[in-house]
Amino acid sequence: MVRLAGLFGRRGGSVRSVVGNALANRLFTAGAGHVAAIDVALRGVVQLARLDAATAASGSGHRVPTPLEDMAETR
């Protein structure tokens, strides 16, 4: 997916989760941290979108943010 997106000049990625164990015929049961992991992944996607928008707005084609510059806005 990342390679295909790159061929078209886009950023790509995927977020995955376990749904079960097909070999043991058992379904996945969400445990501690599962919801938090999804939340972190979604915040990451928001952060990447903000950085992409800032890069496009700068007109330079690239942007190097300072560490943790925009992270507070994703909470």
N, C-alpha and C. Protein backbone atom coordinates (compact mmCIF):
# COMPACT_ATOMS: atom_id res chain seq x y z
N MET A 1 0.82 -1.18 0.00
CA MET A 1 0.00 0.00 0.00
C MET A 1 0.87 1.26 0.00
N VAL A 2 1.90 1.27 0.82
CA VAL A 2 2.78 2.43 0.89
C VAL A 2 3.49 2.63 -0.44
N ARG A 3 3.97 1.56 -1.03
CA ARG A 3 4.66 1.64 -2.32
C ARG A 3 3.72 2.17 -3.41
N LEU A 4 2.51 1.66 -3.47
CA LEU A 4 1.55 2.09 -4.48
C LEU A 4 1.21 3.56 -4.31
N ALA A 5 1.01 4.00 -3.08
CA ALA A 5 0.73 5.42 -2.84
C ALA A 5 1.92 6.28 -3.28
N GLY A 6 3.13 5.81 -2.99
CA GLY A 6 4.33 6.55 -3.37
C GLY A 6 4.46 6.70 -4.87
N LEU A 7 4.04 5.70 -5.62
CA LEU A 7 4.10 5.78 -7.08
C LEU A 7 3.24 6.91 -7.62
N PHE A 8 2.19 7.26 -6.89
CA PHE A 8 1.30 8.34 -7.30
C PHE A 8 1.56 9.64 -6.54
N GLY A 9 2.71 9.70 -5.84
CA GLY A 9 3.08 10.92 -5.13
C GLY A 9 2.26 11.18 -3.89
N ARG A 10 1.70 10.15 -3.30
CA ARG A 10 0.86 10.29 -2.11
C ARG A 10 1.48 9.59 -0.93
N ARG A 11 1.04 9.96 0.28
CA ARG A 11 1.45 9.28 1.49
C ARG A 11 0.45 8.15 1.72
N GLY A 12 0.92 6.99 2.10
CA GLY A 12 0.02 5.87 2.32
C GLY A 12 0.42 5.08 3.55
N GLY A 13 -0.49 4.30 4.04
CA GLY A 13 -0.22 3.46 5.20
C GLY A 13 -1.45 2.67 5.56
N SER A 14 -1.32 1.91 6.60
CA SER A 14 -2.48 1.14 7.06
C SER A 14 -2.40 0.94 8.56
N VAL A 15 -3.55 0.79 9.16
CA VAL A 15 -3.66 0.48 10.58
C VAL A 15 -4.35 -0.87 10.65
N ARG A 16 -3.75 -1.80 11.36
CA ARG A 16 -4.28 -3.16 11.40
C ARG A 16 -4.59 -3.59 12.83
N SER A 17 -5.47 -4.54 12.92
CA SER A 17 -5.83 -5.09 14.22
C SER A 17 -6.09 -6.58 14.06
N VAL A 18 -5.92 -7.31 15.12
CA VAL A 18 -6.18 -8.75 15.12
C VAL A 18 -7.67 -8.98 15.34
N VAL A 19 -8.26 -9.86 14.53
CA VAL A 19 -9.68 -10.17 14.70
C VAL A 19 -9.90 -11.60 15.17
N GLY A 20 -8.88 -12.43 15.09
CA GLY A 20 -9.05 -13.80 15.55
C GLY A 20 -7.88 -14.68 15.16
N ASN A 21 -7.93 -15.90 15.62
CA ASN A 21 -6.92 -16.89 15.31
C ASN A 21 -7.59 -17.98 14.48
N ALA A 22 -7.39 -17.94 13.17
CA ALA A 22 -8.06 -18.88 12.27
C ALA A 22 -7.60 -20.32 12.51
N LEU A 23 -6.34 -20.51 12.88
CA LEU A 23 -5.84 -21.86 13.10
C LEU A 23 -6.47 -22.52 14.32
N ALA A 24 -6.69 -21.72 15.36
CA ALA A 24 -7.28 -22.26 16.59
C ALA A 24 -8.79 -22.05 16.64
N ASN A 25 -9.34 -21.41 15.60
CA ASN A 25 -10.78 -21.13 15.53
C ASN A 25 -11.27 -20.35 16.75
N ARG A 26 -10.49 -19.32 17.14
CA ARG A 26 -10.86 -18.48 18.28
C ARG A 26 -10.95 -17.03 17.83
N LEU A 27 -11.96 -16.32 18.30
CA LEU A 27 -12.10 -14.91 18.01
C LEU A 27 -11.26 -14.10 18.99
N PHE A 28 -10.82 -12.95 18.54
CA PHE A 28 -10.03 -12.04 19.36
C PHE A 28 -10.92 -11.38 20.40
N THR A 29 -10.42 -11.24 21.61
CA THR A 29 -11.11 -10.50 22.67
C THR A 29 -10.24 -9.31 23.04
N ALA A 30 -10.80 -8.12 22.88
CA ALA A 30 -10.04 -6.91 23.18
C ALA A 30 -9.68 -6.86 24.65
N GLY A 31 -8.43 -6.57 24.92
CA GLY A 31 -7.97 -6.47 26.30
C GLY A 31 -7.54 -5.07 26.62
N ALA A 32 -6.85 -4.93 27.73
CA ALA A 32 -6.36 -3.63 28.17
C ALA A 32 -5.45 -3.03 27.11
N GLY A 33 -5.67 -1.80 26.79
CA GLY A 33 -4.82 -1.10 25.85
C GLY A 33 -5.28 -1.13 24.40
N HIS A 34 -6.25 -1.98 24.09
CA HIS A 34 -6.69 -2.09 22.69
C HIS A 34 -7.30 -0.78 22.20
N VAL A 35 -8.18 -0.20 22.96
CA VAL A 35 -8.82 1.07 22.58
C VAL A 35 -7.79 2.19 22.55
N ALA A 36 -6.87 2.18 23.51
CA ALA A 36 -5.82 3.21 23.53
C ALA A 36 -4.93 3.11 22.30
N ALA A 37 -4.64 1.90 21.85
CA ALA A 37 -3.80 1.71 20.66
C ALA A 37 -4.49 2.27 19.42
N ILE A 38 -5.78 2.07 19.32
CA ILE A 38 -6.54 2.62 18.19
C ILE A 38 -6.53 4.14 18.25
N ASP A 39 -6.69 4.69 19.45
CA ASP A 39 -6.67 6.14 19.63
C ASP A 39 -5.33 6.73 19.21
N VAL A 40 -4.23 6.09 19.58
CA VAL A 40 -2.90 6.56 19.21
C VAL A 40 -2.74 6.54 17.69
N ALA A 41 -3.21 5.48 17.05
CA ALA A 41 -3.10 5.38 15.59
C ALA A 41 -3.90 6.50 14.91
N LEU A 42 -5.09 6.76 15.41
CA LEU A 42 -5.91 7.82 14.81
C LEU A 42 -5.28 9.19 15.03
N ARG A 43 -4.70 9.43 16.19
CA ARG A 43 -4.01 10.70 16.43
C ARG A 43 -2.83 10.86 15.49
N GLY A 44 -2.15 9.77 15.21
CA GLY A 44 -1.04 9.81 14.27
C GLY A 44 -1.49 10.22 12.88
N VAL A 45 -2.63 9.69 12.45
CA VAL A 45 -3.17 10.04 11.13
C VAL A 45 -3.53 11.53 11.10
N VAL A 46 -4.12 12.03 12.17
CA VAL A 46 -4.46 13.45 12.25
C VAL A 46 -3.19 14.30 12.17
N GLN A 47 -2.16 13.88 12.90
CA GLN A 47 -0.90 14.63 12.90
C GLN A 47 -0.28 14.65 11.51
N LEU A 48 -0.28 13.51 10.82
CA LEU A 48 0.28 13.48 9.47
C LEU A 48 -0.51 14.39 8.52
N ALA A 49 -1.82 14.41 8.66
CA ALA A 49 -2.65 15.28 7.82
C ALA A 49 -2.32 16.74 8.07
N ARG A 50 -2.12 17.11 9.34
CA ARG A 50 -1.76 18.50 9.67
C ARG A 50 -0.39 18.86 9.10
N LEU A 51 0.56 17.95 9.22
CA LEU A 51 1.89 18.22 8.68
C LEU A 51 1.85 18.33 7.16
N ASP A 52 1.06 17.49 6.51
CA ASP A 52 0.92 17.57 5.06
C ASP A 52 0.30 18.89 4.64
N ALA A 53 -0.72 19.34 5.38
CA ALA A 53 -1.37 20.61 5.06
C ALA A 53 -0.39 21.78 5.24
N ALA A 54 0.42 21.74 6.29
CA ALA A 54 1.40 22.79 6.53
C ALA A 54 2.47 22.79 5.44
N THR A 55 2.87 21.60 4.99
CA THR A 55 3.85 21.51 3.91
C THR A 55 3.29 22.10 2.63
N ALA A 56 2.04 21.77 2.32
CA ALA A 56 1.41 22.32 1.11
C ALA A 56 1.28 23.83 1.21
N ALA A 57 0.94 24.34 2.40
CA ALA A 57 0.76 25.78 2.59
C ALA A 57 2.08 26.53 2.49
N SER A 58 3.18 25.89 2.84
CA SER A 58 4.49 26.56 2.82
C SER A 58 4.97 26.81 1.40
N GLY A 59 4.51 25.98 0.46
CA GLY A 59 4.91 26.14 -0.92
C GLY A 59 6.32 25.68 -1.24
N SER A 60 7.06 25.22 -0.23
CA SER A 60 8.44 24.81 -0.47
C SER A 60 8.57 23.33 -0.84
N GLY A 61 7.52 22.57 -0.64
CA GLY A 61 7.57 21.15 -0.96
C GLY A 61 8.06 20.29 0.18
N HIS A 62 8.56 20.93 1.24
CA HIS A 62 8.98 20.17 2.42
C HIS A 62 8.87 21.05 3.66
N ARG A 63 8.82 20.42 4.78
CA ARG A 63 8.70 21.15 6.04
C ARG A 63 9.38 20.33 7.13
N VAL A 64 10.17 20.99 7.93
CA VAL A 64 10.83 20.32 9.05
C VAL A 64 10.34 20.96 10.34
N PRO A 65 9.38 20.31 11.02
CA PRO A 65 8.85 20.90 12.26
C PRO A 65 9.83 20.74 13.42
N THR A 66 9.70 21.58 14.41
CA THR A 66 10.48 21.39 15.61
C THR A 66 9.88 20.22 16.39
N PRO A 67 10.65 19.54 17.22
CA PRO A 67 10.12 18.39 17.96
C PRO A 67 8.90 18.77 18.79
N LEU A 68 7.88 17.95 18.70
CA LEU A 68 6.64 18.09 19.45
C LEU A 68 5.89 19.39 19.18
N GLU A 69 6.22 20.05 18.10
CA GLU A 69 5.62 21.34 17.77
C GLU A 69 4.09 21.29 17.73
N ASP A 70 3.54 20.32 17.02
CA ASP A 70 2.10 20.27 16.83
C ASP A 70 1.42 19.17 17.63
N MET A 71 2.15 18.44 18.46
CA MET A 71 1.58 17.28 19.13
C MET A 71 0.46 17.63 20.11
N ALA A 72 0.52 18.78 20.75
CA ALA A 72 -0.51 19.15 21.71
C ALA A 72 -1.88 19.28 21.05
N GLU A 73 -1.90 19.62 19.78
CA GLU A 73 -3.17 19.81 19.07
C GLU A 73 -3.88 18.49 18.77
N THR A 74 -3.20 17.37 18.89
CA THR A 74 -3.83 16.09 18.57
C THR A 74 -4.53 15.48 19.77
N ARG A 75 -4.40 16.07 20.92
CA ARG A 75 -5.02 15.50 22.14
C ARG A 75 -6.47 15.89 22.25
